[in-house]
Protein backbone atom coordinates (compact mmCIF):
# COMPACT_ATOMS: atom_id res chain seq x y z
CA MET A 1 59.16 176.06 122.78
CA PHE A 2 60.60 172.33 121.68
CA GLN A 3 62.67 172.56 118.28
CA VAL A 4 63.66 169.40 116.42
CA ARG A 5 66.25 168.90 113.81
CA ILE A 6 65.92 166.31 110.83
CA HIS A 7 69.26 165.66 109.03
CA GLY A 8 68.71 163.74 105.98
CA ARG A 9 69.19 162.14 102.61
CA GLY A 10 66.20 163.43 99.73
CA GLY A 11 63.87 160.95 99.05
CA GLN A 12 64.10 159.49 102.95
CA GLY A 13 61.24 161.33 104.27
CA VAL A 14 62.79 164.19 106.20
CA VAL A 15 59.97 167.04 104.68
CA SER A 16 57.46 164.45 105.27
CA ALA A 17 58.32 163.35 109.07
CA ALA A 18 58.75 166.98 110.26
CA GLU A 19 55.10 167.26 108.91
CA MET A 20 53.64 164.68 110.58
CA LEU A 21 55.84 165.85 114.12
CA SER A 22 53.71 168.75 114.21
CA VAL A 23 50.56 167.35 112.99
CA ALA A 24 50.68 165.17 115.88
CA ALA A 25 51.67 168.47 118.60
CA PHE A 26 48.68 170.19 116.50
CA ASP A 27 46.40 166.94 117.42
CA GLU A 28 47.50 167.36 121.19
CA GLY A 29 46.01 171.39 121.21
CA ARG A 30 49.20 172.70 120.65
CA PHE A 31 51.03 175.17 118.14
CA ALA A 32 53.33 173.79 115.61
CA GLN A 33 55.31 174.36 112.32
CA ALA A 34 57.09 172.22 109.94
CA PHE A 35 59.22 173.27 106.83
CA PRO A 36 62.18 172.41 104.64
CA SER A 37 65.88 173.66 104.20
CA PHE A 38 66.98 172.79 101.00
CA GLY A 39 67.85 174.39 97.03
CA SER A 40 67.53 172.39 94.22
CA GLU A 41 69.17 169.16 95.28
CA ARG A 42 68.69 166.34 94.41
CA MET A 43 68.04 162.48 95.45
CA GLY A 44 70.28 161.80 97.97
CA ALA A 45 71.96 165.20 99.03
CA PRO A 46 71.43 165.70 102.37
CA VAL A 47 68.16 168.24 103.28
CA MET A 48 67.41 169.03 106.91
CA ALA A 49 63.86 170.00 108.20
CA PHE A 50 62.33 171.21 111.21
CA CYS A 51 59.52 171.06 113.70
CA ARG A 52 58.85 173.66 116.74
CA ILE A 53 56.59 172.67 119.08
CA ASP A 54 54.98 174.80 121.85
CA THR A 55 52.21 175.54 123.78
CA ARG A 56 51.82 179.36 122.68
CA GLU A 57 51.90 180.89 119.14
CA ILE A 58 55.12 180.38 117.10
CA ARG A 59 56.41 183.33 115.30
CA LEU A 60 59.50 182.91 114.39
CA ARG A 61 60.44 181.62 110.75
CA GLU A 62 63.89 180.85 110.79
CA PRO A 63 65.60 177.53 110.78
CA VAL A 64 65.96 175.78 114.11
CA MET A 65 69.77 176.54 114.47
CA ARG A 66 69.20 175.63 118.42
CA PRO A 67 67.57 172.61 118.59
CA ASP A 68 66.20 170.64 121.80
CA ALA A 69 65.82 167.52 119.54
CA LEU A 70 68.51 165.82 116.54
CA ILE A 71 66.93 162.83 113.95
CA VAL A 72 69.67 162.34 112.55
CA GLN A 73 67.93 159.91 109.25
CA ASP A 74 71.35 158.60 107.20
CA ALA A 75 74.36 157.99 109.27
CA THR A 76 76.72 158.61 106.54
CA LEU A 77 76.16 162.26 107.24
CA LEU A 78 77.09 162.16 110.56
CA HIS A 79 80.38 163.23 110.10
CA GLN A 80 79.89 164.63 106.91
CA VAL A 81 77.83 167.42 107.70
CA ASP A 82 78.16 169.47 111.47
CA ILE A 83 74.82 168.21 112.50
CA PHE A 84 75.03 168.11 116.42
CA SER A 85 76.45 172.60 116.27
CA GLY A 86 74.04 174.33 118.38
CA LEU A 87 72.34 170.90 120.35
CA ALA A 88 71.11 171.61 123.72
CA PRO A 89 72.79 170.71 126.34
CA ASP A 90 70.29 168.95 128.14
CA GLY A 91 69.52 168.13 124.12
CA TYR A 92 68.41 164.81 123.13
CA ILE A 93 70.05 162.61 119.67
CA LEU A 94 68.60 159.98 117.89
CA ILE A 95 70.37 157.84 115.35
CA ASN A 96 69.00 155.89 112.90
CA SER A 97 71.52 152.94 113.02
CA THR A 98 72.33 149.38 113.98
CA ARG A 99 74.99 150.77 115.49
CA SER A 100 76.33 152.32 118.69
CA PHE A 101 77.69 155.66 118.97
CA GLU A 102 81.24 154.19 119.96
CA GLU A 103 80.62 152.59 116.99
CA LEU A 104 79.91 155.39 115.30
CA GLY A 105 82.99 157.55 116.21
CA LEU A 106 79.95 159.91 118.99
CA GLY A 107 81.47 157.98 121.78
CA GLU A 108 82.41 161.45 123.34
CA LEU A 109 79.22 162.25 122.91
CA ARG A 110 77.83 160.08 126.13
CA ALA A 111 80.33 162.28 127.70
CA ARG A 112 78.34 165.47 126.84
CA TYR A 113 74.67 163.99 126.68
CA PRO A 114 72.45 162.66 129.13
CA HIS A 115 72.60 159.13 128.33
CA ASP A 116 68.96 158.26 128.11
CA HIS A 117 68.75 160.93 126.07
CA LEU A 118 70.89 159.23 123.14
CA CYS A 119 70.04 156.71 121.30
CA CYS A 120 70.76 154.54 117.90
CA VAL A 121 67.63 152.56 116.64
CA PRO A 122 68.11 150.33 113.72
CA ALA A 123 65.02 152.29 111.48
CA THR A 124 66.02 151.35 108.26
CA GLU A 125 65.43 147.97 108.70
CA ILE A 126 62.38 147.41 111.03
CA ALA A 127 61.02 150.49 107.89
CA MET A 128 62.13 147.10 106.20
CA GLU A 129 60.12 144.63 108.20
CA HIS A 130 57.11 146.56 108.60
CA VAL A 131 56.35 148.29 104.99
CA GLY A 132 58.70 147.04 102.84
CA ARG A 133 60.24 149.94 101.63
CA PRO A 134 63.80 151.31 103.51
CA LEU A 135 61.93 154.52 104.90
CA PRO A 136 62.95 155.45 108.35
CA ASN A 137 60.95 158.41 108.87
CA ALA A 138 57.95 157.33 110.45
CA ALA A 139 59.56 154.67 112.64
CA LEU A 140 62.37 157.62 113.91
CA LEU A 141 59.07 159.28 115.26
CA GLY A 142 57.91 156.62 117.28
CA GLY A 143 61.34 156.84 118.49
CA PHE A 144 61.95 160.49 119.46
CA ALA A 145 58.21 159.97 120.92
CA ALA A 146 59.90 157.59 123.45
CA ILE A 147 62.74 159.33 123.84
CA THR A 148 62.09 162.85 124.13
CA GLY A 149 58.12 161.69 125.92
CA GLN A 150 57.41 165.20 123.83
CA LEU A 151 54.53 163.39 122.47
CA GLN A 152 51.95 160.22 123.24
CA PHE A 153 52.57 157.79 120.18
CA GLU A 154 48.81 157.66 120.08
CA SER A 155 49.52 161.33 117.81
CA VAL A 156 52.24 160.03 115.94
CA ALA A 157 50.29 157.44 114.56
CA GLY A 158 47.73 159.48 114.06
CA ALA A 159 49.50 162.22 112.35
CA ILE A 160 51.04 159.17 110.45
CA ARG A 161 48.11 157.08 108.84
CA ALA A 162 46.43 160.63 108.01
CA LYS A 163 49.20 161.38 105.77
CA PHE A 164 49.91 158.00 104.61
CA PRO A 165 45.91 156.41 104.51
CA GLY A 166 44.97 152.49 104.23
CA LYS A 167 47.87 149.57 104.18
CA VAL A 168 50.60 152.10 104.12
CA GLY A 169 49.82 154.44 107.13
CA GLU A 170 49.63 151.16 109.20
CA GLY A 171 52.46 149.51 107.91
CA ASN A 172 54.40 152.88 108.44
CA ALA A 173 52.54 152.97 111.85
CA ARG A 174 53.27 149.34 113.09
CA ALA A 175 57.12 150.59 112.82
CA ALA A 176 57.26 153.62 114.00
CA ARG A 177 55.58 151.63 117.16
CA ALA A 178 58.07 148.87 117.27
CA ALA A 179 60.99 151.91 117.46
CA PHE A 180 58.69 153.15 120.39
CA GLU A 181 59.40 150.03 122.19
CA ALA A 182 63.27 149.21 120.77
CA VAL A 183 63.85 152.45 122.41
CA LEU A 184 62.58 152.26 125.41
CA LYS A 185 64.21 149.06 125.80
CA THR A 186 66.95 150.51 124.92
CA ILE A 187 66.66 153.58 127.58
CA ALA A 188 65.58 151.27 130.52
CA GLN A 189 68.96 148.80 129.65
CA GLU A 190 71.45 152.04 129.57
CA ALA A 191 69.56 153.03 132.69
CA HIS A 192 70.19 149.29 134.29
CA ALA A 193 74.29 149.41 133.38
């Protein structure tokens, strides 16, 4: 089972991101589960959502405490919440930021995790360019597909289009493609560094 925890703030599409991941996995013939963790939080408050992907039926119903991958939609949470708690030793970390892990004060993670499992991608800027709104969720799903290899990009794009039909879905699918390509490029550069 592959478990994903998504951190962000209310209004950034954290819950929708988890749902779209699960739809993409389902479209690939796998079992998937997505659910949020929030109470009466308001817009801008920290929010988490979870996604599980497996080849067998998923019976767990509790929050993801030991994720295989983290998606951080808002870098301002990095030093406010214990985001990295429970992350698998070979886990993946994808952060929405124009800055590097070192610039974010996370340089020590480079020593603890495989370099090709860590990536920052400017998802908000990509979303602004392709969607016209600062919603990083769809772009980060493209980045997730690139960094983990857990899902095919076309499945992710299909889930995005199903969630947001028409022009909005097409813009978000383009943002996801741009982030997918940016993450692949970053990983390739890291490999040659």
